[in-house]
Amino acid sequence: MKAKRRRHDPEFKARVALEALKGIKTIQLIAKDFDVHPVQVSEWKKVMVDGVPSVFGPGSGKAGAEDFERERTQLHAKIGQQAVDLDWLAKKSKQLGL
């Protein structure tokens, strides 16, 4: 029977890749410590190195704040609409004697 594929969360991948970037241990030793294949460690290290410039790129911190504010505004509008609907339903139920 074939073994199931393991799925690793981003935090685990980052921890392994960071360990590989430090260069204190060999890739083989890191792979053994984290119970993953050495090729996988190398791939995660490469992905991390390639992705680092985007962390310090323009607008990296502001994008999250703008998304938060946009979502917050949408949620406030939805809450207001629900309050209006609730008031209307209460008024209608009184008119119908419910």
N, C-alpha and C. Protein backbone atom coordinates (compact mmCIF):
# COMPACT_ATOMS: atom_id res chain seq x y z
N MET A 1 0.84 -1.18 0.00
CA MET A 1 0.00 0.00 0.00
C MET A 1 0.88 1.24 0.00
N LYS A 2 0.47 2.20 -0.76
CA LYS A 2 1.23 3.44 -0.90
C LYS A 2 1.04 4.32 0.33
N ALA A 3 2.11 4.93 0.79
CA ALA A 3 2.04 5.82 1.96
C ALA A 3 1.39 7.14 1.56
N LYS A 4 0.68 7.75 2.50
CA LYS A 4 0.06 9.06 2.24
C LYS A 4 1.13 10.14 2.18
N ARG A 5 0.87 11.12 1.36
CA ARG A 5 1.79 12.26 1.28
C ARG A 5 1.58 13.14 2.49
N ARG A 6 2.67 13.58 3.04
CA ARG A 6 2.58 14.50 4.18
C ARG A 6 2.52 15.93 3.65
N ARG A 7 1.72 16.72 4.29
CA ARG A 7 1.61 18.14 3.93
C ARG A 7 2.17 18.94 5.09
N HIS A 8 3.08 19.83 4.77
CA HIS A 8 3.73 20.64 5.80
C HIS A 8 3.18 22.06 5.75
N ASP A 9 2.95 22.62 6.92
CA ASP A 9 2.44 23.98 6.99
C ASP A 9 3.56 24.97 6.69
N PRO A 10 3.21 26.19 6.30
CA PRO A 10 4.22 27.19 5.94
C PRO A 10 5.22 27.50 7.06
N GLU A 11 4.77 27.45 8.30
CA GLU A 11 5.67 27.74 9.42
C GLU A 11 6.78 26.68 9.49
N PHE A 12 6.41 25.42 9.28
CA PHE A 12 7.39 24.34 9.32
C PHE A 12 8.39 24.51 8.18
N LYS A 13 7.89 24.80 6.98
CA LYS A 13 8.77 24.99 5.83
C LYS A 13 9.73 26.14 6.07
N ALA A 14 9.23 27.23 6.65
CA ALA A 14 10.08 28.39 6.93
C ALA A 14 11.15 28.05 7.96
N ARG A 15 10.77 27.27 8.97
CA ARG A 15 11.73 26.89 10.00
C ARG A 15 12.85 26.04 9.40
N VAL A 16 12.49 25.09 8.53
CA VAL A 16 13.49 24.23 7.89
C VAL A 16 14.37 25.05 6.95
N ALA A 17 13.76 25.91 6.15
CA ALA A 17 14.52 26.73 5.21
C ALA A 17 15.46 27.69 5.93
N LEU A 18 15.00 28.26 7.03
CA LEU A 18 15.85 29.17 7.81
C LEU A 18 17.05 28.43 8.39
N GLU A 19 16.81 27.22 8.84
CA GLU A 19 17.90 26.40 9.37
C GLU A 19 18.93 26.12 8.26
N ALA A 20 18.44 25.88 7.05
CA ALA A 20 19.34 25.63 5.92
C ALA A 20 20.10 26.89 5.54
N LEU A 21 19.43 28.04 5.63
CA LEU A 21 20.09 29.31 5.29
C LEU A 21 21.19 29.66 6.28
N LYS A 22 21.01 29.27 7.53
CA LYS A 22 22.03 29.56 8.53
C LYS A 22 23.36 28.91 8.17
N GLY A 23 23.30 27.72 7.59
CA GLY A 23 24.51 27.05 7.15
C GLY A 23 25.30 26.38 8.26
N ILE A 24 24.73 26.27 9.44
CA ILE A 24 25.43 25.65 10.56
C ILE A 24 25.48 24.13 10.37
N LYS A 25 24.37 23.56 9.91
CA LYS A 25 24.28 22.12 9.69
C LYS A 25 24.23 21.85 8.19
N THR A 26 24.56 20.64 7.80
CA THR A 26 24.46 20.25 6.40
C THR A 26 23.00 20.00 6.06
N ILE A 27 22.70 20.02 4.77
CA ILE A 27 21.34 19.77 4.31
C ILE A 27 20.88 18.38 4.75
N GLN A 28 21.78 17.41 4.66
CA GLN A 28 21.43 16.04 5.05
C GLN A 28 21.08 15.95 6.53
N LEU A 29 21.82 16.64 7.35
CA LEU A 29 21.56 16.62 8.79
C LEU A 29 20.24 17.32 9.12
N ILE A 30 19.97 18.43 8.46
CA ILE A 30 18.71 19.14 8.65
C ILE A 30 17.55 18.25 8.22
N ALA A 31 17.70 17.58 7.07
CA ALA A 31 16.65 16.69 6.58
C ALA A 31 16.38 15.57 7.57
N LYS A 32 17.43 15.04 8.14
CA LYS A 32 17.27 13.96 9.13
C LYS A 32 16.59 14.48 10.40
N ASP A 33 17.00 15.66 10.85
CA ASP A 33 16.41 16.24 12.07
C ASP A 33 14.91 16.52 11.91
N PHE A 34 14.51 17.00 10.73
CA PHE A 34 13.12 17.36 10.51
C PHE A 34 12.32 16.27 9.80
N ASP A 35 12.96 15.16 9.50
CA ASP A 35 12.32 14.00 8.87
C ASP A 35 11.69 14.36 7.52
N VAL A 36 12.48 15.03 6.68
CA VAL A 36 12.07 15.33 5.31
C VAL A 36 13.22 14.95 4.38
N HIS A 37 12.96 14.92 3.09
CA HIS A 37 13.99 14.56 2.11
C HIS A 37 14.94 15.74 1.90
N PRO A 38 16.24 15.46 1.71
CA PRO A 38 17.20 16.56 1.51
C PRO A 38 16.87 17.45 0.31
N VAL A 39 16.32 16.87 -0.75
CA VAL A 39 15.95 17.67 -1.92
C VAL A 39 14.86 18.68 -1.54
N GLN A 40 13.94 18.25 -0.68
CA GLN A 40 12.87 19.13 -0.24
C GLN A 40 13.43 20.31 0.55
N VAL A 41 14.42 20.03 1.40
CA VAL A 41 15.07 21.10 2.17
C VAL A 41 15.70 22.12 1.23
N SER A 42 16.39 21.63 0.21
CA SER A 42 17.03 22.52 -0.77
C SER A 42 16.01 23.35 -1.52
N GLU A 43 14.88 22.73 -1.89
CA GLU A 43 13.84 23.47 -2.61
C GLU A 43 13.24 24.57 -1.75
N TRP A 44 12.95 24.24 -0.49
CA TRP A 44 12.38 25.24 0.42
C TRP A 44 13.36 26.38 0.65
N LYS A 45 14.65 26.05 0.73
CA LYS A 45 15.68 27.08 0.91
C LYS A 45 15.70 28.01 -0.30
N LYS A 46 15.61 27.43 -1.50
CA LYS A 46 15.63 28.23 -2.73
C LYS A 46 14.40 29.14 -2.80
N VAL A 47 13.23 28.59 -2.44
CA VAL A 47 12.00 29.39 -2.44
C VAL A 47 12.12 30.56 -1.47
N MET A 48 12.70 30.30 -0.32
CA MET A 48 12.86 31.36 0.67
C MET A 48 13.81 32.45 0.16
N VAL A 49 14.92 32.04 -0.41
CA VAL A 49 15.88 33.02 -0.92
C VAL A 49 15.25 33.84 -2.05
N ASP A 50 14.49 33.19 -2.93
CA ASP A 50 13.84 33.91 -4.04
C ASP A 50 12.74 34.84 -3.55
N GLY A 51 12.10 34.52 -2.43
CA GLY A 51 10.98 35.32 -1.95
C GLY A 51 11.36 36.45 -1.01
N VAL A 52 12.59 36.48 -0.55
CA VAL A 52 13.00 37.50 0.42
C VAL A 52 12.89 38.92 -0.12
N PRO A 53 13.25 39.20 -1.37
CA PRO A 53 13.12 40.58 -1.86
C PRO A 53 11.69 41.13 -1.78
N SER A 54 10.70 40.27 -1.92
CA SER A 54 9.32 40.76 -1.87
C SER A 54 8.94 41.21 -0.47
N VAL A 55 9.62 40.69 0.54
CA VAL A 55 9.33 41.10 1.92
C VAL A 55 9.71 42.56 2.12
N PHE A 56 10.80 42.97 1.50
CA PHE A 56 11.28 44.33 1.68
C PHE A 56 10.89 45.24 0.52
N GLY A 57 10.02 44.76 -0.36
CA GLY A 57 9.61 45.53 -1.52
C GLY A 57 8.69 46.67 -1.14
N PRO A 58 8.39 47.52 -2.11
CA PRO A 58 7.52 48.67 -1.85
C PRO A 58 6.10 48.23 -1.54
N GLY A 59 5.53 48.83 -0.51
CA GLY A 59 4.15 48.58 -0.15
C GLY A 59 3.90 47.26 0.57
N SER A 60 4.96 46.60 1.02
CA SER A 60 4.77 45.30 1.66
C SER A 60 3.99 45.42 2.97
N GLY A 61 4.20 46.47 3.73
CA GLY A 61 3.49 46.63 4.99
C GLY A 61 2.16 47.33 4.83
N LYS A 62 2.05 48.19 3.84
CA LYS A 62 0.82 48.97 3.65
C LYS A 62 -0.29 48.14 3.05
N ALA A 63 0.04 47.13 2.28
CA ALA A 63 -0.98 46.32 1.62
C ALA A 63 -1.87 45.65 2.65
N GLY A 64 -1.30 45.14 3.70
CA GLY A 64 -2.09 44.48 4.74
C GLY A 64 -3.00 45.46 5.45
N ALA A 65 -2.52 46.66 5.71
CA ALA A 65 -3.32 47.68 6.40
C ALA A 65 -4.48 48.15 5.51
N GLU A 66 -4.22 48.31 4.22
CA GLU A 66 -5.27 48.74 3.31
C GLU A 66 -6.35 47.67 3.18
N ASP A 67 -5.94 46.41 3.09
CA ASP A 67 -6.91 45.31 3.02
C ASP A 67 -7.75 45.26 4.29
N PHE A 68 -7.11 45.48 5.43
CA PHE A 68 -7.82 45.47 6.70
C PHE A 68 -8.87 46.58 6.74
N GLU A 69 -8.50 47.77 6.32
CA GLU A 69 -9.43 48.90 6.34
C GLU A 69 -10.58 48.68 5.37
N ARG A 70 -10.29 48.13 4.19
CA ARG A 70 -11.34 47.86 3.21
C ARG A 70 -12.33 46.84 3.76
N GLU A 71 -11.82 45.77 4.35
CA GLU A 71 -12.70 44.75 4.93
C GLU A 71 -13.51 45.31 6.10
N ARG A 72 -12.88 46.15 6.89
CA ARG A 72 -13.55 46.77 8.03
C ARG A 72 -14.71 47.64 7.57
N THR A 73 -14.49 48.42 6.52
CA THR A 73 -15.53 49.28 5.97
C THR A 73 -16.70 48.45 5.44
N GLN A 74 -16.38 47.35 4.74
CA GLN A 74 -17.43 46.47 4.21
C GLN A 74 -18.24 45.85 5.35
N LEU A 75 -17.58 45.44 6.40
CA LEU A 75 -18.29 44.82 7.53
C LEU A 75 -19.18 45.82 8.25
N HIS A 76 -18.71 47.05 8.40
CA HIS A 76 -19.54 48.09 9.02
C HIS A 76 -20.78 48.37 8.16
N ALA A 77 -20.62 48.38 6.86
CA ALA A 77 -21.76 48.60 5.98
C ALA A 77 -22.76 47.46 6.10
N LYS A 78 -22.26 46.25 6.19
CA LYS A 78 -23.13 45.08 6.33
C LYS A 78 -23.89 45.11 7.66
N ILE A 79 -23.20 45.50 8.72
CA ILE A 79 -23.85 45.61 10.03
C ILE A 79 -24.96 46.66 9.97
N GLY A 80 -24.70 47.79 9.33
CA GLY A 80 -25.71 48.83 9.19
C GLY A 80 -26.92 48.34 8.40
N GLN A 81 -26.68 47.60 7.31
CA GLN A 81 -27.77 47.07 6.50
C GLN A 81 -28.60 46.08 7.30
N GLN A 82 -27.95 45.24 8.09
CA GLN A 82 -28.68 44.27 8.91
C GLN A 82 -29.51 44.96 9.99
N ALA A 83 -29.01 46.05 10.53
CA ALA A 83 -29.77 46.80 11.54
C ALA A 83 -31.02 47.40 10.92
N VAL A 84 -30.90 47.92 9.71
CA VAL A 84 -32.06 48.48 9.00
C VAL A 84 -33.07 47.39 8.72
N ASP A 85 -32.60 46.23 8.25
CA ASP A 85 -33.50 45.11 7.97
C ASP A 85 -34.22 44.64 9.22
N LEU A 86 -33.50 44.58 10.32
CA LEU A 86 -34.10 44.14 11.58
C LEU A 86 -35.17 45.12 12.06
N ASP A 87 -34.90 46.42 11.94
CA ASP A 87 -35.90 47.42 12.30
C ASP A 87 -37.15 47.30 11.43
N TRP A 88 -36.96 47.09 10.14
CA TRP A 88 -38.08 46.95 9.22
C TRP A 88 -38.92 45.73 9.57
N LEU A 89 -38.25 44.60 9.86
CA LEU A 89 -38.98 43.39 10.23
C LEU A 89 -39.74 43.57 11.54
N ALA A 90 -39.16 44.25 12.50
CA ALA A 90 -39.85 44.51 13.77
C ALA A 90 -41.09 45.36 13.54
N LYS A 91 -40.97 46.37 12.69
CA LYS A 91 -42.10 47.25 12.37
C LYS A 91 -43.22 46.47 11.68
N LYS A 92 -42.84 45.64 10.72
CA LYS A 92 -43.84 44.86 9.97
C LYS A 92 -44.54 43.84 10.88
N SER A 93 -43.79 43.24 11.80
CA SER A 93 -44.40 42.23 12.68
C SER A 93 -45.41 42.91 13.63
N LYS A 94 -45.15 44.15 14.04
CA LYS A 94 -46.09 44.87 14.90
C LYS A 94 -47.36 45.21 14.12
N GLN A 95 -47.20 45.57 12.84
CA GLN A 95 -48.34 45.91 12.01
C GLN A 95 -49.24 44.69 11.79
N LEU A 96 -48.63 43.53 11.68
CA LEU A 96 -49.39 42.31 11.43
C LEU A 96 -49.89 41.68 12.72
N GLY A 97 -49.45 42.20 13.85
CA GLY A 97 -49.89 41.70 15.16
C GLY A 97 -49.23 40.38 15.54
N LEU A 98 -48.01 40.18 15.12
CA LEU A 98 -47.29 38.94 15.45
C LEU A 98 -46.48 39.07 16.69
